[in-house]
Protein backbone atom coordinates (compact mmCIF):
# COMPACT_ATOMS: atom_id res chain seq x y z
CA MET A 1 118.40 77.76 41.08
CA HIS A 2 120.55 78.00 37.92
CA ILE A 3 121.43 81.63 38.68
CA LYS A 4 122.44 80.68 42.22
CA LYS A 5 124.64 77.85 40.96
CA ILE A 6 126.31 80.14 38.41
CA PHE A 7 126.85 82.74 41.12
CA CYS A 8 128.40 80.13 43.41
CA ILE A 9 130.74 78.96 40.66
CA VAL A 10 131.80 82.52 39.87
CA VAL A 11 132.38 83.34 43.53
CA PHE A 12 134.26 80.10 43.99
CA SER A 13 136.46 80.82 40.98
CA ILE A 14 137.28 84.32 42.23
CA THR A 15 137.97 82.93 45.68
CA ILE A 16 140.31 80.29 44.29
CA LEU A 17 142.22 82.95 42.33
CA PHE A 18 142.70 85.06 45.46
CA SER A 19 143.55 81.95 47.44
CA LEU A 20 146.22 80.92 44.96
CA SER A 21 147.86 84.33 45.20
CA ALA A 22 147.55 84.48 48.99
CA GLN A 23 148.58 80.96 49.97
CA SER A 24 151.80 78.97 49.66
CA ASP A 25 153.05 77.21 46.52
CA ASP A 26 152.60 73.77 48.18
CA HIS A 27 148.95 74.50 48.77
CA HIS A 28 148.66 75.75 45.22
CA GLU A 29 149.78 72.37 43.94
CA ASP A 30 147.25 70.59 46.17
CA LEU A 31 144.34 72.74 44.96
CA GLN A 32 145.03 71.84 41.34
CA ASP A 33 144.13 68.19 42.13
CA LEU A 34 140.68 68.91 43.64
CA TRP A 35 137.27 68.31 42.06
CA MET A 36 134.40 70.52 43.28
CA TRP A 37 131.01 68.80 43.53
CA ASN A 38 128.89 71.20 45.54
CA CYS A 39 129.07 74.87 46.65
CA VAL A 40 126.34 76.34 48.88
CA GLY A 41 125.96 79.80 50.40
CA ASN A 42 124.07 80.99 53.47
CA GLU A 43 121.10 83.39 53.55
CA ASP A 44 123.09 86.48 52.52
CA ASN A 45 125.90 84.68 50.67
CA SER A 46 128.45 85.87 53.21
CA LEU A 47 129.56 82.31 53.98
CA PHE A 48 130.01 79.36 51.58
CA LEU A 49 130.60 75.64 52.02
CA MET A 50 132.03 73.57 49.16
CA HIS A 51 132.47 69.86 48.77
CA VAL A 52 135.58 68.78 46.88
CA THR A 53 137.31 65.45 46.18
CA ASP A 54 141.04 64.80 46.08
CA ASP A 55 141.72 63.36 42.61
CA ILE A 56 144.78 61.48 43.87
CA GLU A 57 143.63 59.96 47.17
CA TRP A 58 139.91 60.19 46.33
CA GLN A 59 139.23 61.80 49.72
CA ASP A 60 136.17 64.01 50.32
CA VAL A 61 136.87 67.39 51.98
CA VAL A 62 134.50 70.22 52.98
CA TYR A 63 135.94 73.75 52.89
CA TYR A 64 134.41 77.07 53.83
CA PHE A 65 135.24 80.57 52.75
CA LEU A 66 133.94 84.01 53.63
CA ASN A 67 132.41 86.35 51.13
CA GLY A 68 132.10 89.22 53.58
CA ARG A 69 132.08 92.93 52.99
CA PHE A 70 134.87 94.05 50.61
CA MET A 71 136.07 90.40 50.47
CA ALA A 72 137.66 90.78 53.89
CA ASP A 73 138.87 87.14 53.83
CA VAL A 74 139.45 85.43 50.47
CA ARG A 75 141.16 82.32 51.81
CA ILE A 76 139.57 78.87 51.88
CA HIS A 77 139.52 77.00 55.19
CA LYS A 78 139.19 73.29 55.79
CA LEU A 79 136.08 72.41 57.83
CA TRP A 80 135.90 68.61 57.59
CA ASP A 81 137.90 65.69 56.12
CA SER A 82 136.85 62.80 58.39
CA GLY A 83 135.51 60.44 55.75
CA SER A 84 134.24 60.04 52.22
CA GLY A 85 131.07 59.56 50.28
CA VAL A 86 129.60 63.02 50.87
CA GLY A 87 126.43 63.24 48.83
CA ASN A 88 125.63 66.95 48.85
CA ILE A 89 125.56 70.04 51.06
CA VAL A 90 122.36 72.00 51.73
CA PHE A 91 121.58 75.19 53.64
CA SER A 92 118.41 75.39 55.76
CA PRO A 93 116.57 78.71 55.51
CA PHE A 94 114.69 77.74 58.67
CA SER A 95 117.49 77.16 61.19
CA LYS A 96 120.27 78.91 59.17
CA LYS A 97 122.42 75.75 59.37
CA PHE A 98 124.35 73.72 56.80
CA TYR A 99 123.85 69.95 56.52
CA PHE A 100 125.84 67.21 54.76
CA CYS A 101 126.02 63.42 55.11
CA SER A 102 129.10 61.19 55.23
CA ALA A 103 128.77 57.62 53.93
CA TRP A 104 131.98 56.02 55.15
CA GLY A 105 135.21 56.82 56.95
CA ASN A 106 135.86 57.42 60.60
CA SER A 107 132.51 59.04 61.49
CA PRO A 108 129.65 58.23 59.12
CA GLY A 109 126.48 60.19 59.76
CA LEU A 110 124.74 63.52 59.43
CA TRP A 111 126.94 66.58 59.95
CA ILE A 112 125.55 69.93 61.07
CA ALA A 113 127.46 73.21 60.64
CA SER A 114 125.93 76.04 62.71
CA GLN A 115 126.83 79.68 62.07
CA THR A 116 128.50 81.45 64.98
CA GLY A 117 128.86 84.96 63.56
CA ILE A 118 132.55 84.95 64.54
CA LYS A 119 134.89 85.81 61.69
CA ASP A 120 137.82 83.68 62.85
CA ASN A 121 135.60 80.71 63.65
CA PRO A 122 132.34 81.16 61.72
CA LEU A 123 131.09 77.55 62.00
CA LYS A 124 130.48 75.08 64.81
CA LEU A 125 130.44 71.47 63.62
CA ASP A 126 128.30 68.74 65.21
CA SER A 127 127.21 65.31 64.00
CA THR A 128 124.53 62.65 64.44
CA PRO A 129 125.86 59.08 63.95
CA MET A 130 124.22 56.89 61.32
CA ASP A 131 124.86 53.53 59.67
CA LYS A 132 127.40 53.56 56.88
CA GLY A 133 125.76 54.44 53.62
CA ARG A 134 125.23 57.15 51.08
CA GLY A 135 122.81 59.96 51.89
CA TYR A 136 121.41 62.89 49.92
CA LEU A 137 119.60 65.93 51.32
CA ALA A 138 116.72 68.03 49.97
CA VAL A 139 115.29 71.35 51.17
CA ASN A 140 111.81 72.49 50.20
CA LYS A 141 109.08 74.65 51.73
CA THR A 142 108.23 71.99 54.32
CA GLY A 143 111.67 71.41 55.85
CA VAL A 144 114.91 69.48 55.37
CA TRP A 145 114.82 65.82 54.24
CA LEU A 146 117.43 63.06 53.92
CA LEU A 147 117.27 59.92 51.74
CA HIS A 148 119.82 57.46 53.15
CA ASP A 149 120.73 53.93 52.01
CA THR A 150 123.41 51.30 52.25
CA ALA A 151 124.69 48.64 49.86
CA GLU A 152 122.72 45.98 51.74
CA HIS A 153 119.42 47.79 52.25
CA SER A 154 116.99 49.95 50.33
CA GLY A 155 116.82 53.71 50.91
CA GLN A 156 115.25 55.19 54.02
CA LEU A 157 113.67 58.67 54.28
CA TYR A 158 114.32 60.91 57.30
CA LYS A 159 112.78 64.25 58.25
CA ILE A 160 115.72 66.28 59.51
CA GLU A 161 114.18 69.66 60.29
CA ASP A 162 110.76 71.35 60.24
CA THR A 163 109.86 74.86 59.11
CA GLY A 164 110.33 76.14 62.65
CA GLY A 165 114.03 75.24 62.49
CA ASN A 166 113.55 72.39 64.99
CA PHE A 167 115.83 69.36 64.60
CA ILE A 168 113.55 66.32 64.09
CA PHE A 169 115.69 63.51 62.67
CA SER A 170 112.95 60.89 62.51
CA ILE A 171 111.44 58.49 59.96
CA PRO A 172 107.86 59.40 59.01
CA GLU A 173 105.45 56.60 59.90
CA ALA A 174 104.08 56.34 56.33
CA VAL A 175 107.46 55.47 54.75
CA LYS A 176 108.64 52.80 57.20
CA GLN A 177 107.21 49.96 55.09
CA ALA A 178 108.06 51.45 51.69
CA SER A 179 110.82 49.97 49.45
CA PHE A 180 112.95 52.73 47.96
CA ASN A 181 115.68 52.15 45.42
CA SER A 182 119.36 52.10 46.36
CA PHE A 183 121.76 54.68 44.92
CA TYR A 184 124.24 51.92 44.30
CA ASN A 185 122.01 50.31 41.69
CA PHE A 186 122.06 53.55 39.73
CA MET A 187 125.81 53.69 39.97
CA GLU A 188 126.14 50.19 38.56
CA VAL A 189 123.52 50.39 35.79
CA LYS A 190 124.01 52.72 32.84
CA ARG A 191 121.07 55.08 32.34
CA PRO A 192 120.13 57.22 29.32
CA ASN A 193 121.59 60.69 29.72
CA SER A 194 122.98 59.62 33.09
CA SER A 195 126.01 61.86 32.59
CA GLU A 196 123.78 64.91 32.93
CA PHE A 197 122.83 64.08 36.51
CA HIS A 198 124.40 63.05 39.74
CA GLU A 199 123.30 59.53 40.58
CA HIS A 200 120.97 60.73 43.36
CA GLU A 201 119.09 63.02 40.96
CA GLN A 202 118.01 59.97 39.00
CA CYS A 203 116.20 58.38 41.94
CA PHE A 204 115.50 61.27 44.37
CA LYS A 205 113.71 64.48 43.33
CA PHE A 206 111.68 67.09 45.16
CA THR A 207 109.23 69.95 44.63
CA ASP A 208 107.92 72.66 46.96
CA TYR A 209 105.71 70.28 48.91
CA THR A 210 106.62 66.74 47.73
CA LEU A 211 109.47 64.26 47.45
CA LEU A 212 109.75 61.85 44.48
CA ILE A 213 111.64 58.62 45.26
CA CYS A 214 112.24 55.72 42.86
CA ASP A 215 110.99 52.28 43.93
CA GLU A 216 113.20 49.18 44.11
CA ASP A 217 111.71 47.99 40.80
CA GLU A 218 113.54 50.95 39.18
CA SER A 219 110.46 51.92 37.12
CA SER A 220 107.69 53.01 39.51
CA TRP A 221 107.95 56.10 41.74
CA TRP A 222 106.74 57.08 45.15
CA VAL A 223 105.31 60.56 45.81
CA PHE A 224 105.57 61.67 49.43
CA ASN A 225 103.34 64.58 50.47
CA CYS A 226 105.55 66.43 52.96
CA LEU A 227 102.65 68.32 54.56
CA THR A 228 100.29 65.39 55.14
CA GLU A 229 103.16 62.83 55.29
CA LYS A 230 101.18 60.49 53.06
CA LEU A 231 102.87 58.22 50.50
CA LYS A 232 101.51 57.05 47.15
CA LYS A 233 103.04 54.96 44.38
CA TYR A 234 102.84 55.70 40.62
CA GLU A 235 103.77 53.50 37.65
CA SER A 236 106.16 55.99 36.05
CA LEU A 237 108.15 59.10 36.71
CA GLU A 238 105.89 61.16 34.47
CA LEU A 239 102.79 60.19 36.45
CA ALA A 240 104.64 60.90 39.68
CA LYS A 241 105.67 64.34 38.40
CA LYS A 242 102.10 65.16 37.42
CA ALA A 243 100.86 64.08 40.86
CA ALA A 244 103.54 66.19 42.56
CA GLU A 245 102.67 69.20 40.41
CA LYS A 246 98.99 68.73 41.27
CA ILE A 247 99.81 68.71 44.99
CA ASP A 248 101.98 71.83 44.60
CA ARG A 249 99.26 73.65 42.66
CA ALA A 250 96.65 72.71 45.26
CA TYR A 251 98.78 74.06 48.09
CA ALA A 252 99.73 77.12 46.06
CA ARG A 253 96.04 77.86 45.52
CA LYS A 254 95.40 77.24 49.20
CA GLN A 255 98.20 79.63 50.13
CA LYS A 256 96.79 82.20 47.72
CA VAL A 257 93.32 81.83 49.23
CA LEU A 258 94.79 82.06 52.72
CA ALA A 259 96.72 85.16 51.70
CA GLN A 260 93.54 86.70 50.31
CA LEU A 261 91.65 85.72 53.44
CA SER A 262 94.46 87.21 55.50
CA LEU A 263 94.12 90.46 53.59
CA VAL A 264 90.36 90.36 54.13
CA ALA A 265 90.91 89.59 57.81
CA VAL A 266 93.40 92.45 58.10
CA PHE A 267 90.94 94.74 56.34
CA VAL A 268 88.14 93.62 58.68
CA VAL A 269 90.36 94.10 61.73
CA VAL A 270 91.39 97.55 60.52
CA LEU A 271 87.74 98.36 59.82
CA VAL A 272 86.70 97.14 63.28
CA ILE A 273 89.51 99.12 64.93
CA PHE A 274 88.51 102.19 62.92
CA ALA A 275 84.86 101.70 63.95
CA VAL A 276 85.82 101.24 67.61
CA VAL A 277 88.06 104.33 67.53
CA LEU A 278 85.30 106.29 65.80
CA ILE A 279 82.77 105.18 68.41
CA LEU A 280 85.15 106.09 71.22
CA VAL A 281 85.87 109.49 69.65
CA LEU A 282 82.16 110.17 69.14
CA LYS A 283 81.47 108.96 72.66
CA LYS A 284 84.19 111.25 73.99
CA ILE A 285 82.83 114.16 71.96
CA ARG A 286 79.31 113.47 73.17
CA GLY A 287 80.61 113.00 76.69
CA GLY A 288 82.43 116.33 76.41
CA GLN A 289 79.31 117.97 75.05
CA LYS A 290 77.24 116.39 77.84
CA GLU A 291 79.77 117.51 80.43
CA ALA A 292 79.85 121.01 78.98
CA SER A 293 76.06 121.03 78.98
CA ARG A 294 76.02 119.87 82.61
CA ILE A 295 78.50 122.55 83.65
CA GLU A 296 76.51 125.18 81.78
CA HIS A 297 73.34 123.92 83.45
CA ASN A 298 74.99 124.13 86.88
CA LYS A 299 76.20 127.65 86.08
CA MET A 300 72.66 128.69 85.21
CA ILE A 301 71.31 127.14 88.43
CA PHE A 302 73.99 128.79 90.58
CA ASP A 303 73.40 132.14 88.87
CA ILE A 304 69.68 131.87 89.57
CA GLN A 305 70.42 130.93 93.19
CA GLU A 306 72.75 133.89 93.62
CA LYS A 307 70.16 136.26 92.17
CA GLU A 308 67.46 134.87 94.46
CA ARG A 309 69.75 135.11 97.48
CA ALA A 310 70.69 138.65 96.57
CA LYS A 311 67.00 139.53 96.21
CA ILE A 312 66.09 137.92 99.54
CA SER A 313 69.03 139.65 101.20
CA ARG A 314 67.95 143.01 99.85
CA ASP A 315 64.32 142.41 100.81
CA ILE A 316 65.26 141.47 104.38
CA HIS A 317 67.63 144.39 104.70
CA ASP A 318 65.30 146.96 103.15
CA SER A 319 62.14 145.84 104.91
CA VAL A 320 62.40 143.68 108.03
CA VAL A 321 65.71 145.07 109.26
CA GLN A 322 64.55 148.65 108.74
CA ASP A 323 61.26 147.95 110.47
CA ILE A 324 63.02 146.45 113.49
CA ARG A 325 65.40 149.40 113.58
CA VAL A 326 62.39 151.76 113.62
CA LEU A 327 60.78 149.60 116.29
CA ARG A 328 63.93 149.86 118.40
CA LEU A 329 64.07 153.67 118.02
CA GLU A 330 60.40 153.97 118.94
CA THR A 331 61.00 151.77 121.95
CA GLU A 332 63.89 153.98 123.05
CA ASN A 333 61.69 157.09 122.75
CA LEU A 334 58.86 155.70 124.84
CA VAL A 335 58.29 157.50 128.13
CA VAL A 336 57.86 154.80 130.74
CA ASP A 337 57.93 154.72 134.49
CA GLN A 338 60.86 153.43 136.44
CA ALA A 339 59.24 150.03 136.89
CA SER A 340 58.97 149.49 133.11
CA LYS A 341 62.49 150.78 132.35
CA THR A 342 64.01 147.30 132.63
CA ARG A 343 61.49 145.83 130.22
CA GLN A 344 62.13 148.72 127.77
CA THR A 345 65.90 148.01 127.84
CA LYS A 346 65.30 144.30 127.32
CA ILE A 347 63.11 145.02 124.25
CA GLU A 348 65.81 147.34 122.87
CA ASP A 349 68.49 144.68 123.32
CA LEU A 350 66.26 142.06 121.72
CA ALA A 351 65.66 144.33 118.72
CA THR A 352 69.40 144.97 118.43
CA ASP A 353 70.09 141.20 118.56
CA CYS A 354 67.48 140.61 115.84
CA ILE A 355 69.10 143.27 113.66
CA ILE A 356 72.54 141.57 114.08
CA LYS A 357 71.13 138.12 113.27
CA LEU A 358 69.28 139.39 110.25
CA ARG A 359 72.40 141.17 109.01
CA ASN A 360 74.37 137.92 109.40
CA ILE A 361 71.66 136.10 107.46
CA CYS A 362 71.86 138.75 104.74
CA TYR A 363 75.67 138.44 104.66
CA ASN A 364 75.46 134.66 104.34
CA LEU A 365 72.95 135.02 101.56
CA THR A 366 75.24 137.45 99.72
CA PRO A 367 78.38 139.06 101.18
CA ALA A 368 78.39 142.80 101.24
CA GLU A 369 81.63 142.81 99.22
CA LEU A 370 79.72 141.19 96.37
CA THR A 371 76.36 142.94 96.63
CA SER A 372 78.05 146.35 96.44
CA HIS A 373 78.76 145.75 92.76
CA SER A 374 76.15 145.82 90.05
CA GLU A 375 75.51 142.91 87.68
CA GLY A 376 78.13 142.66 84.96
CA ASP A 377 80.56 144.95 86.80
CA SER A 378 84.13 144.07 85.77
CA THR A 379 85.61 145.21 89.08
CA GLN A 380 87.48 142.37 90.80
CA PHE A 381 87.25 141.35 94.44
CA GLU A 382 89.61 140.26 97.16
CA LEU A 383 88.80 136.85 98.63
CA ILE A 384 90.70 137.16 101.91
CA SER A 385 88.41 139.73 103.52
CA ILE A 386 85.34 137.66 102.67
CA ILE A 387 86.81 134.49 104.23
CA ASN A 388 87.82 136.46 107.33
CA SER A 389 84.26 137.77 107.79
CA LEU A 390 82.82 134.30 107.23
CA VAL A 391 85.13 132.78 109.89
CA GLN A 392 84.30 135.45 112.45
CA GLN A 393 80.56 134.93 111.98
CA PHE A 394 80.99 131.13 112.18
CA SER A 395 82.90 131.27 115.49
CA ALA A 396 80.46 133.80 117.01
CA ARG A 397 77.43 131.80 115.95
CA THR A 398 78.59 128.26 116.76
CA HIS A 399 81.07 128.91 119.57
CA ILE A 400 83.47 126.55 117.73
CA PRO A 401 86.93 128.16 117.55
CA CYS A 402 87.96 128.57 113.94
CA VAL A 403 91.44 129.82 113.09
CA PHE A 404 92.10 131.51 109.76
CA LYS A 405 95.74 131.63 108.66
CA VAL A 406 97.55 132.63 105.50
CA GLU A 407 101.02 131.60 104.42
CA GLU A 408 103.80 134.00 105.33
CA GLY A 409 104.57 136.27 102.40
CA PHE A 410 101.37 135.23 100.69
CA GLU A 411 100.27 137.65 97.96
CA TYR A 412 96.54 138.09 98.07
CA PRO A 413 95.15 137.12 94.66
CA VAL A 414 92.42 139.32 93.27
CA LEU A 415 89.89 137.06 91.58
CA GLU A 416 86.96 137.60 89.29
CA LYS A 417 83.55 137.86 90.88
CA GLU A 418 82.36 134.45 89.69
CA LYS A 419 85.39 132.69 91.17
CA THR A 420 85.15 134.58 94.45
CA GLN A 421 81.43 133.91 94.70
CA ASN A 422 81.79 130.15 94.16
CA LEU A 423 84.78 129.85 96.51
CA PHE A 424 82.74 131.65 99.16
CA ARG A 425 79.84 129.20 98.71
CA VAL A 426 82.18 126.18 98.93
CA ILE A 427 83.83 127.42 102.13
CA GLN A 428 80.44 128.41 103.54
CA GLU A 429 79.08 124.90 102.88
CA ALA A 430 82.18 123.33 104.48
CA LEU A 431 81.68 125.39 107.64
CA THR A 432 77.96 124.56 107.67
CA ASN A 433 78.79 120.82 107.52
CA ILE A 434 81.23 121.26 110.43
CA GLU A 435 78.52 123.00 112.41
CA LYS A 436 75.75 120.47 111.72
CA HIS A 437 77.44 117.08 111.34
CA SER A 438 81.03 116.98 112.60
CA TYR A 439 80.67 117.41 116.39
CA ALA A 440 84.01 119.22 116.11
CA THR A 441 85.55 121.22 118.95
CA GLN A 442 87.77 123.31 116.66
CA ALA A 443 88.33 124.08 113.01
CA SER A 444 90.82 125.94 110.85
CA ILE A 445 91.25 127.43 107.41
CA PHE A 446 94.69 127.80 105.86
CA ILE A 447 95.34 129.54 102.57
CA LYS A 448 98.53 129.51 100.52
CA LYS A 449 99.85 129.66 97.00
CA ALA A 450 101.10 126.46 95.36
CA ASP A 451 104.84 126.38 94.76
CA SER A 452 105.53 126.81 91.05
CA SER A 453 109.33 126.74 91.31
CA GLY A 454 109.44 123.08 90.23
CA GLY A 455 107.67 123.82 86.95
CA GLY A 456 104.13 123.46 88.27
CA LYS A 457 101.43 125.99 87.49
CA PRO A 458 100.56 128.62 90.15
CA ALA A 459 97.42 127.83 92.09
CA LEU A 460 95.47 129.00 95.10
CA LEU A 461 95.27 126.33 97.82
CA ILE A 462 92.74 126.41 100.67
CA TYR A 463 92.70 123.77 103.42
CA ILE A 464 89.64 123.45 105.72
CA THR A 465 90.09 121.04 108.64
CA ASP A 466 88.16 119.96 111.73
CA ASP A 467 88.65 117.46 114.56
CA GLY A 468 85.17 115.95 114.30
CA ILE A 469 83.95 112.39 113.84
CA GLY A 470 84.70 112.27 110.10
CA CYS A 471 83.48 109.31 108.04
CA ASN A 472 84.89 106.36 106.12
CA GLN A 473 85.89 106.74 102.46
CA ASN A 474 83.14 104.44 101.13
CA GLU A 475 80.47 106.49 102.88
CA LEU A 476 82.03 109.68 101.51
CA ALA A 477 82.09 108.28 97.95
CA LYS A 478 78.39 107.38 98.22
CA LYS A 479 77.53 110.88 99.44
CA LEU A 480 79.41 112.47 96.55
CA LYS A 481 77.40 110.36 94.05
CA SER A 482 74.07 110.48 95.88
CA LYS A 483 71.36 112.85 94.70
CA GLU A 484 70.25 113.32 98.30
CA HIS A 485 73.50 114.88 99.58
CA LEU A 486 73.40 118.08 97.57
CA GLY A 487 75.88 119.91 99.82
CA LEU A 488 78.96 117.86 98.92
CA ARG A 489 77.93 117.54 95.27
CA GLY A 490 77.28 121.27 95.10
CA MET A 491 80.79 121.98 96.43
CA LYS A 492 82.28 119.72 93.75
CA ASP A 493 80.12 121.20 90.98
CA ARG A 494 81.03 124.77 91.95
CA MET A 495 84.76 124.02 91.87
CA GLU A 496 84.37 122.32 88.52
CA LEU A 497 82.48 125.36 87.21
CA ILE A 498 85.41 127.73 87.92
CA GLY A 499 88.07 125.29 86.70
CA GLY A 500 89.23 124.13 90.13
CA GLN A 501 89.03 120.90 92.06
CA ILE A 502 88.16 119.77 95.58
CA GLU A 503 89.34 116.72 97.53
CA PHE A 504 88.10 115.22 100.80
CA PHE A 505 90.45 113.41 103.19
CA THR A 506 88.77 111.69 106.11
CA ALA A 507 88.56 108.58 108.24
CA GLN A 508 86.15 107.39 110.89
CA ASN A 509 86.67 109.35 114.15
CA ASP A 510 89.62 111.20 112.64
CA GLY A 511 88.10 114.47 111.44
CA MET A 512 88.17 115.74 107.88
CA GLU A 513 90.41 117.84 105.69
CA ILE A 514 89.12 119.53 102.56
CA LYS A 515 91.63 120.64 99.95
CA ILE A 516 90.51 123.29 97.46
CA GLU A 517 92.76 124.05 94.51
CA LEU A 518 92.14 126.84 91.98
CA PRO A 519 94.58 127.53 89.12
CA LEU A 520 95.59 131.20 88.98
CA GLU A 521 96.39 131.55 85.25
CA SER A 522 93.37 133.76 84.75
CA ALA A 523 93.75 135.62 88.04
CA LYS A 524 94.98 139.17 87.71
């Protein structure tokens, strides 16, 4: 507080010197007759208010001056001169406003100077009317307070503002029946060392959390707890000071404990957040490991299935098909009479039809384009020819027209065996579902390459559509999750295995469209 007062005096002195050199000689003469009682700065000391008294006319005046960057404006400006009896000026750190109280004159009351942030007009002045009488303000950690009295009545305490910067201007309930001393008594009675204090400092003091106000008996003191708004009387100032210090220490300890608890709470919160993040990370890692394990498990299952299918295909081709072919040749070579010739031809045709069906079964088990390569062969395979063969067999077998189209200018991607094999199984399963469940009258397969001109990654897109009965989305979602509908789940698992994705678009009685997307980064 002493350092701030010294700083204010120094700044004021410098300001006056600049003002004297910058302003007229007439004003210079006026300034020599002023007494300064109070000088208060705002939160960053960029704006000051000072209370002065004219020594000749004994008129109170409030000036302001700017202490901005590089002393941009060193002049003093008159803010208020509407009365007299100004007790003191205070600055609220809560609302960033200045307050002072006028005892007499044209407009007695509480004056409020709000900062505008405008250089040419930095303050907006408002007032709250009050009875004529002297008033002194105090600012502590609980808000802004005013002790006001008149010559006829004892002092009255007002709460002006709370710590939220809200304007209260009310009398606390606990002090309404109290009898506080009048400032005028102190002005009329000589006190020891009274010259060291303003008159209000002899009967109105404050600490961080309390106000000390002298009683009408001029010997006992009231201590007002600003936080609890409780009032208690003590026989002397010393006892009142000790009580106020005790209250301050209690709240200081409480604030310290709260600060420590806050640190503990922050530490606990940080610890909980860390634990939650750790759990989520571990869960994600475990989920990733579980997902990788599931994909690896599916890969193993599909590999086993492909090997079994390849074995069955070879067994059928090398045994049953060959036996039927021999049977057909033997039938052709039989010498029969003319009456049995028709039956011989019918047996030959039946054998030929069996050979074709068995070959189709073998192809569906494992396409010839894939079985012609040994295990681990690094040779790559074209997908288009396989899809074309699959479509032809589907149309011939089911009598459902199926159109296979490719985008104009489409470059046939050559994929690795694993990708080709799984794409074949997905398309095969889609066509099987159309055959068994859709009641479709036509189907189509369209293949294209995703447009990467907009910055997207190149991908192979395959659309499989039919005009069947379809299904609703809820039913489809249940089938994808159900353990009973292995066909749809198998399609999804296979696409996931090769790094692609599959989507189903359908509605009741509106057919179905299946979109297959496979990134081509690894395609050569």
